[in-house]
Amino acid sequence: MTDHFASATPQPDQAGDDRVPGRVDPVEVERLTQALNARFAPHVDEAAAAVRGAEQGLAEAREALARARRAADGQRYQSDRLVFMRASVKDEAEALTRKTTPKKVRVAYRYLLARAVELAEGEVQGYRADQAAAERERQHSIEACLAAEHAAVERLDAARAMQRRVEDAVQTARQGLAVMVEKLASQEQPRASA
């Protein structure tokens, strides 16, 4: 790895040295500035990408929250058909006990069996639907979307803080370069007067 800063000090014994005493070569300062920028470029770019990603995440969280609110506003009451099916099966079971002829008992039993099978199927489907609705509620409810938005805001704040710290590091390095150039220039001035 080349030390870009080691060559900033002019060497007076070099052949063809046309540097003016008391001044640091502007070409050398420009080269050092470019080297500084090149060393920080990946980190500055990565910090900017992190902020853009966090901003996009926040926008997506806010869109999901808006969708959840629209869905909640548009949701209508739905009666549970299983409540009525359970009552119907219970009524059919009671009706079977009141049947007096073998033919009516068989017909009532077949009807009860059909309704009981429908109820069992409905119970299984209802359970699955309830589980899916609970999962949707955990992931896409207004509360879940608010929590996701809050987390996205925190990620964005953290990304912006990290980006500011990266910019501070770059600024500190630039200030260091300026101080070095100033010090080198002040050290060359006594040489020129000697």
Protein backbone atom coordinates (compact mmCIF):
# COMPACT_ATOMS: atom_id res chain seq x y z
CA MET A 1 0.00 0.00 0.00
CA THR A 2 1.40 3.36 -0.99
CA ASP A 3 1.64 6.04 1.62
CA HIS A 4 0.01 8.97 -0.16
CA PHE A 5 0.97 11.38 2.57
CA ALA A 6 4.69 10.55 2.76
CA SER A 7 5.38 12.17 -0.59
CA ALA A 8 3.73 15.44 0.41
CA THR A 9 6.99 16.69 1.90
CA PRO A 10 9.06 18.19 -0.89
CA GLN A 11 12.58 16.86 -1.20
CA PRO A 12 14.91 19.73 -2.14
CA ASP A 13 17.71 17.48 -3.33
CA GLN A 14 15.63 15.97 -6.15
CA ALA A 15 16.89 16.86 -9.58
CA GLY A 16 14.75 19.37 -11.42
CA ASP A 17 12.86 20.46 -8.31
CA ASP A 18 11.02 23.59 -9.39
CA ARG A 19 8.95 24.04 -6.24
CA VAL A 20 8.69 27.50 -4.84
CA PRO A 21 10.03 27.66 -1.30
CA GLY A 22 7.31 28.26 1.31
CA ARG A 23 4.63 26.58 -0.78
CA VAL A 24 3.38 23.03 -1.04
CA ASP A 25 2.98 21.84 -4.60
CA PRO A 26 -0.71 22.29 -5.60
CA VAL A 27 -0.52 19.19 -7.80
CA GLU A 28 0.56 17.18 -4.77
CA VAL A 29 -2.27 18.64 -2.68
CA GLU A 30 -4.76 17.76 -5.44
CA ARG A 31 -3.38 14.22 -5.61
CA LEU A 32 -3.70 13.85 -1.83
CA THR A 33 -7.26 15.18 -1.95
CA GLN A 34 -8.17 12.69 -4.66
CA ALA A 35 -6.56 9.86 -2.67
CA LEU A 36 -8.55 10.92 0.41
CA ASN A 37 -11.79 10.98 -1.58
CA ALA A 38 -11.02 7.60 -3.15
CA ARG A 39 -10.40 5.98 0.24
CA PHE A 40 -13.67 7.28 1.65
CA ALA A 41 -15.81 6.80 -1.49
CA PRO A 42 -16.93 3.21 -0.77
CA HIS A 43 -17.91 4.11 2.78
CA VAL A 44 -19.72 7.29 1.76
CA ASP A 45 -21.56 5.37 -0.97
CA GLU A 46 -22.48 2.55 1.41
CA ALA A 47 -23.78 5.03 3.99
CA ALA A 48 -25.89 6.75 1.35
CA ALA A 49 -27.23 3.39 0.16
CA ALA A 50 -28.16 2.47 3.73
CA VAL A 51 -30.09 5.72 4.11
CA ARG A 52 -31.88 5.17 0.78
CA GLY A 53 -32.76 1.61 1.81
CA ALA A 54 -34.10 2.81 5.18
CA GLU A 55 -36.13 5.54 3.46
CA GLN A 56 -37.60 2.97 1.09
CA GLY A 57 -38.39 0.67 4.03
CA LEU A 58 -40.20 3.52 5.78
CA ALA A 59 -42.19 4.32 2.63
CA GLU A 60 -43.22 0.65 2.32
CA ALA A 61 -44.21 0.51 6.00
CA ARG A 62 -46.35 3.61 5.56
CA GLU A 63 -48.00 2.14 2.47
CA ALA A 64 -48.77 -1.07 4.40
CA LEU A 65 -50.25 1.01 7.23
CA ALA A 66 -52.47 2.88 4.77
CA ARG A 67 -53.63 -0.45 3.27
CA ALA A 68 -54.38 -1.83 6.74
CA ARG A 69 -56.43 1.25 7.62
CA ARG A 70 -58.38 1.03 4.36
CA ALA A 71 -59.00 -2.67 4.96
CA ALA A 72 -60.20 -1.99 8.51
CA ASP A 73 -62.52 0.76 7.29
CA GLY A 74 -63.95 -1.48 4.57
CA GLN A 75 -64.45 -4.51 6.79
CA ARG A 76 -68.08 -5.50 7.30
CA TYR A 77 -69.59 -7.68 9.95
CA GLN A 78 -69.85 -11.32 8.96
CA SER A 79 -72.04 -13.67 10.89
CA ASP A 80 -70.60 -17.04 11.80
CA ARG A 81 -72.60 -19.66 9.91
CA LEU A 82 -71.22 -22.37 12.21
CA VAL A 83 -73.30 -21.02 15.09
CA PHE A 84 -76.46 -21.69 13.08
CA MET A 85 -75.18 -25.05 11.83
CA ARG A 86 -74.45 -26.19 15.41
CA ALA A 87 -77.94 -25.20 16.50
CA SER A 88 -79.43 -26.96 13.47
CA VAL A 89 -77.58 -30.22 14.20
CA LYS A 90 -78.65 -30.09 17.84
CA ASP A 91 -82.26 -29.53 16.74
CA GLU A 92 -82.03 -32.45 14.31
CA ALA A 93 -80.68 -34.71 17.07
CA GLU A 94 -83.61 -33.76 19.30
CA ALA A 95 -86.04 -34.26 16.42
CA LEU A 96 -84.67 -37.76 15.88
CA THR A 97 -85.61 -38.71 19.45
CA ARG A 98 -89.21 -37.71 18.74
CA LYS A 99 -89.61 -39.83 15.60
CA THR A 100 -91.85 -42.81 16.09
CA THR A 101 -91.83 -44.86 12.89
CA PRO A 102 -88.77 -46.73 11.55
CA LYS A 103 -89.04 -44.96 8.20
CA LYS A 104 -89.09 -41.49 9.82
CA VAL A 105 -86.22 -42.45 12.15
CA ARG A 106 -84.08 -43.53 9.16
CA VAL A 107 -84.87 -40.37 7.18
CA ALA A 108 -84.22 -38.17 10.22
CA TYR A 109 -80.96 -40.01 10.90
CA ARG A 110 -79.74 -39.55 7.27
CA TYR A 111 -80.63 -35.86 7.45
CA LEU A 112 -78.86 -35.53 10.85
CA LEU A 113 -75.80 -37.37 9.48
CA ALA A 114 -75.61 -35.08 6.44
CA ARG A 115 -75.91 -31.94 8.61
CA ALA A 116 -73.35 -33.27 11.13
CA VAL A 117 -70.83 -33.98 8.32
CA GLU A 118 -71.41 -30.46 6.96
CA LEU A 119 -70.88 -29.09 10.45
CA ALA A 120 -67.63 -31.07 10.88
CA GLU A 121 -66.36 -29.83 7.51
CA GLY A 122 -67.37 -26.28 8.45
CA GLU A 123 -65.59 -26.56 11.78
CA VAL A 124 -62.34 -27.61 10.09
CA GLN A 125 -62.64 -24.85 7.48
CA GLY A 126 -63.55 -22.34 10.17
CA TYR A 127 -60.53 -23.31 12.22
CA ARG A 128 -58.23 -22.87 9.21
CA ALA A 129 -59.86 -19.56 8.31
CA ASP A 130 -59.50 -18.34 11.91
CA GLN A 131 -55.81 -19.29 11.97
CA ALA A 132 -55.19 -17.55 8.64
CA ALA A 133 -57.08 -14.46 9.86
CA ALA A 134 -55.06 -14.42 13.08
CA GLU A 135 -51.82 -14.64 11.08
CA ARG A 136 -52.98 -11.82 8.78
CA GLU A 137 -53.88 -9.83 11.88
CA ARG A 138 -50.40 -10.39 13.36
CA GLN A 139 -48.71 -9.35 10.14
CA HIS A 140 -51.04 -6.81 8.55
CA SER A 141 -53.18 -5.31 11.29
CA ILE A 142 -53.05 -1.60 11.99
CA GLU A 143 -51.10 -2.30 15.19
CA ALA A 144 -48.59 -4.51 13.34
CA CYS A 145 -48.18 -1.89 10.62
CA LEU A 146 -47.72 0.86 13.23
CA ALA A 147 -45.01 -1.24 14.89
CA ALA A 148 -43.36 -1.83 11.49
CA GLU A 149 -43.51 1.90 10.73
CA HIS A 150 -41.96 2.69 14.13
CA ALA A 151 -39.16 0.18 13.49
CA ALA A 152 -38.60 1.66 10.02
CA VAL A 153 -38.34 5.17 11.48
CA GLU A 154 -35.77 3.89 13.99
CA ARG A 155 -33.78 2.22 11.18
CA LEU A 156 -33.87 5.44 9.15
CA ASP A 157 -32.74 7.52 12.14
CA ALA A 158 -29.89 5.06 12.79
CA ALA A 159 -28.86 5.10 9.11
CA ARG A 160 -28.87 8.89 9.01
CA ALA A 161 -26.82 9.05 12.21
CA MET A 162 -24.32 6.60 10.74
CA GLN A 163 -24.16 8.67 7.55
CA ARG A 164 -23.46 11.82 9.60
CA ARG A 165 -20.66 10.01 11.44
CA VAL A 166 -19.15 8.92 8.10
CA GLU A 167 -19.36 12.50 6.85
CA ASP A 168 -17.72 13.67 10.09
CA ALA A 169 -14.87 11.20 9.53
CA VAL A 170 -14.41 12.50 5.98
CA GLN A 171 -14.46 16.08 7.23
CA THR A 172 -11.92 15.27 9.94
CA ALA A 173 -9.61 13.71 7.35
CA ARG A 174 -9.99 16.78 5.10
CA GLN A 175 -9.20 19.07 8.00
CA GLY A 176 -6.18 16.91 8.78
CA LEU A 177 -5.02 17.24 5.18
CA ALA A 178 -5.43 21.02 5.35
CA VAL A 179 -3.46 21.16 8.60
CA MET A 180 -0.71 18.99 7.11
CA VAL A 181 -0.45 21.20 4.03
CA GLU A 182 -0.36 24.31 6.21
CA LYS A 183 2.32 22.83 8.49
CA LEU A 184 4.44 21.72 5.54
CA ALA A 185 4.16 25.16 4.01
CA SER A 186 5.19 26.82 7.28
CA GLN A 187 8.16 24.43 7.66
CA GLU A 188 9.36 25.23 4.15
CA GLN A 189 9.37 28.98 4.77
CA PRO A 190 12.29 28.87 7.27
CA ARG A 191 14.25 26.75 4.78
CA ALA A 192 13.70 29.39 2.12
CA SER A 193 14.98 32.15 4.39
CA ALA A 194 18.08 30.15 5.43
